[in-house]
Amino acid sequence: MATLLMVVIVVAASVMVFVYATGLFGALTRAPSYQKEALGLEFSGFGPINANSNVTLYLRNTGTVPVTLASYFVKDASGNQYARTPWANQPTLAPTTGGWSQILISSICGCPYTGTAFTFQTGQSYTITLISSLGTQFSFSVVRYS
């Protein structure tokens, strides 16, 4: 009988040590919180340089780390695309701050294109993909209304 009681005590103590250790180790090995780049488009307008070849974006950093834009791509509905890589001298947006970005295409930009060259046309939609210096992609759709 004493042997059985000793086994029960050892098993109970082992269970308590196991529960304590897994709780402690679980707290110590928590997954790290990852910092995240995120941009939101608050406003877009065609111009002011030339509405056919310039769209102005007002972007807000909604992430937790600063974002610096490094390149962009502009694609029309037919799949034709302009690329500006690298896109030098862009400001860094700190978290929660906003700022303007000028997106240029056509001869005003001197950007290479794939497919057929195009300009911004009234009533047409365009996809603008911005690439950060860390490689994060942000895509926005803009429509020229006038």
Protein backbone atom coordinates (compact mmCIF):
# COMPACT_ATOMS: atom_id res chain seq x y z
CA MET A 1 0.00 0.00 0.00
CA ALA A 2 2.83 2.39 0.82
CA THR A 3 4.37 1.70 -2.59
CA LEU A 4 1.11 2.60 -4.35
CA LEU A 5 0.83 5.82 -2.35
CA MET A 6 4.42 6.73 -3.25
CA VAL A 7 3.68 6.14 -6.99
CA VAL A 8 0.58 8.36 -6.82
CA ILE A 9 2.57 11.15 -5.13
CA VAL A 10 5.36 10.93 -7.73
CA VAL A 11 2.87 11.00 -10.63
CA ALA A 12 1.00 13.98 -9.15
CA ALA A 13 4.26 15.86 -8.58
CA SER A 14 5.39 15.07 -12.14
CA VAL A 15 2.12 16.42 -13.55
CA MET A 16 2.46 19.64 -11.52
CA VAL A 17 6.07 20.11 -12.68
CA PHE A 18 5.01 19.46 -16.29
CA VAL A 19 2.15 22.00 -16.13
CA TYR A 20 4.42 24.60 -14.53
CA ALA A 21 7.23 24.02 -17.03
CA THR A 22 5.01 24.18 -20.13
CA GLY A 23 3.35 27.35 -18.88
CA LEU A 24 6.71 28.93 -18.18
CA PHE A 25 8.30 27.75 -21.41
CA GLY A 26 5.23 28.83 -23.37
CA ALA A 27 5.57 32.33 -21.96
CA LEU A 28 9.29 32.39 -22.70
CA THR A 29 8.93 31.12 -26.28
CA ARG A 30 6.15 33.42 -27.44
CA ALA A 31 6.28 34.28 -31.13
CA PRO A 32 7.93 37.65 -31.76
CA SER A 33 5.76 40.53 -32.87
CA TYR A 34 6.64 41.39 -36.44
CA GLN A 35 6.86 44.96 -37.64
CA LYS A 36 4.80 45.62 -40.75
CA GLU A 37 4.92 48.02 -43.69
CA ALA A 38 1.49 49.24 -44.79
CA LEU A 39 0.32 52.13 -46.97
CA GLY A 40 -3.17 53.44 -47.64
CA LEU A 41 -4.21 55.62 -50.57
CA GLU A 42 -6.22 58.59 -49.29
CA PHE A 43 -6.44 60.67 -52.47
CA SER A 44 -5.45 60.53 -56.13
CA GLY A 45 -5.64 63.22 -58.78
CA PHE A 46 -4.34 63.52 -62.32
CA GLY A 47 -1.91 66.39 -62.76
CA PRO A 48 -0.72 69.01 -61.85
CA ILE A 49 2.18 68.67 -64.30
CA ASN A 50 0.17 67.08 -67.12
CA ALA A 51 -3.03 65.11 -66.53
CA ASN A 52 -2.20 62.78 -69.42
CA SER A 53 1.10 61.64 -67.92
CA ASN A 54 1.02 62.48 -64.19
CA VAL A 55 -1.05 61.16 -61.29
CA THR A 56 -0.54 62.50 -57.77
CA LEU A 57 -1.12 60.15 -54.85
CA TYR A 58 -1.59 61.10 -51.22
CA LEU A 59 -0.42 58.10 -49.21
CA ARG A 60 -0.60 57.40 -45.48
CA ASN A 61 1.68 54.99 -43.63
CA THR A 62 -0.72 52.78 -41.66
CA GLY A 63 1.99 50.32 -40.62
CA THR A 64 4.34 50.17 -37.67
CA VAL A 65 7.64 50.94 -39.45
CA PRO A 66 8.80 53.77 -41.74
CA VAL A 67 8.25 53.21 -45.49
CA THR A 68 10.53 54.46 -48.26
CA LEU A 69 9.33 53.92 -51.82
CA ALA A 70 11.95 52.58 -54.23
CA SER A 71 10.12 51.92 -57.53
CA TYR A 72 6.72 51.89 -59.20
CA PHE A 73 4.79 50.28 -62.04
CA VAL A 74 1.73 51.68 -63.85
CA LYS A 75 -0.44 49.24 -65.80
CA ASP A 76 -3.44 49.98 -68.01
CA ALA A 77 -6.45 47.71 -68.64
CA SER A 78 -4.76 46.18 -71.71
CA GLY A 79 -1.72 45.07 -69.71
CA ASN A 80 0.65 47.74 -71.05
CA GLN A 81 3.01 48.90 -68.33
CA TYR A 82 5.48 51.65 -67.41
CA ALA A 83 8.19 50.95 -64.83
CA ARG A 84 10.31 53.34 -62.84
CA THR A 85 13.15 51.46 -61.22
CA PRO A 86 14.85 52.82 -59.29
CA TRP A 87 12.72 55.72 -58.14
CA ALA A 88 15.33 57.88 -56.44
CA ASN A 89 15.05 60.54 -53.74
CA GLN A 90 11.70 59.51 -52.29
CA PRO A 91 10.91 60.68 -48.76
CA THR A 92 10.42 58.22 -45.93
CA LEU A 93 6.93 58.13 -44.41
CA ALA A 94 6.99 57.55 -40.66
CA PRO A 95 4.11 55.53 -39.15
CA THR A 96 0.78 57.46 -39.15
CA THR A 97 2.13 60.23 -41.41
CA GLY A 98 1.06 61.02 -44.94
CA GLY A 99 2.74 62.44 -48.00
CA TRP A 100 2.42 63.17 -51.70
CA SER A 101 3.96 61.07 -54.48
CA GLN A 102 4.13 62.05 -58.14
CA ILE A 103 3.72 59.13 -60.54
CA LEU A 104 4.91 59.97 -64.05
CA ILE A 105 4.56 58.00 -67.29
CA SER A 106 5.20 58.54 -70.99
CA SER A 107 7.93 60.87 -72.26
CA ILE A 108 7.67 63.11 -69.16
CA CYS A 109 9.09 60.23 -67.12
CA GLY A 110 11.49 58.63 -69.53
CA CYS A 111 10.40 55.30 -68.03
CA PRO A 112 10.73 52.09 -70.01
CA TYR A 113 7.47 50.40 -70.96
CA THR A 114 6.29 46.97 -71.99
CA GLY A 115 3.55 46.57 -74.58
CA THR A 116 2.30 49.77 -76.16
CA ALA A 117 3.04 53.27 -74.84
CA PHE A 118 -0.03 54.95 -73.36
CA THR A 119 -1.20 58.10 -71.57
CA PHE A 120 -3.88 58.52 -68.92
CA GLN A 121 -7.28 58.71 -70.64
CA THR A 122 -10.60 59.91 -69.20
CA GLY A 123 -12.79 57.04 -68.00
CA GLN A 124 -9.95 54.52 -67.85
CA SER A 125 -8.67 52.62 -64.81
CA TYR A 126 -4.98 52.12 -64.02
CA THR A 127 -3.21 49.92 -61.48
CA ILE A 128 -0.29 51.54 -59.70
CA THR A 129 2.06 49.22 -57.84
CA LEU A 130 4.54 50.83 -55.46
CA ILE A 131 7.56 48.89 -54.17
CA SER A 132 9.21 49.83 -50.88
CA SER A 133 12.93 49.69 -50.19
CA LEU A 134 12.24 46.48 -48.22
CA GLY A 135 10.44 44.90 -51.20
CA THR A 136 6.85 45.24 -49.95
CA GLN A 137 4.33 45.78 -52.78
CA PHE A 138 1.38 48.14 -52.51
CA SER A 139 -1.18 48.16 -55.34
CA PHE A 140 -3.83 50.81 -55.92
CA SER A 141 -6.38 51.33 -58.66
CA VAL A 142 -7.03 54.87 -59.92
CA VAL A 143 -9.53 56.15 -62.49
CA ARG A 144 -9.19 59.34 -64.48
CA TYR A 145 -12.61 61.01 -64.42
CA SER A 146 -11.83 64.24 -66.26
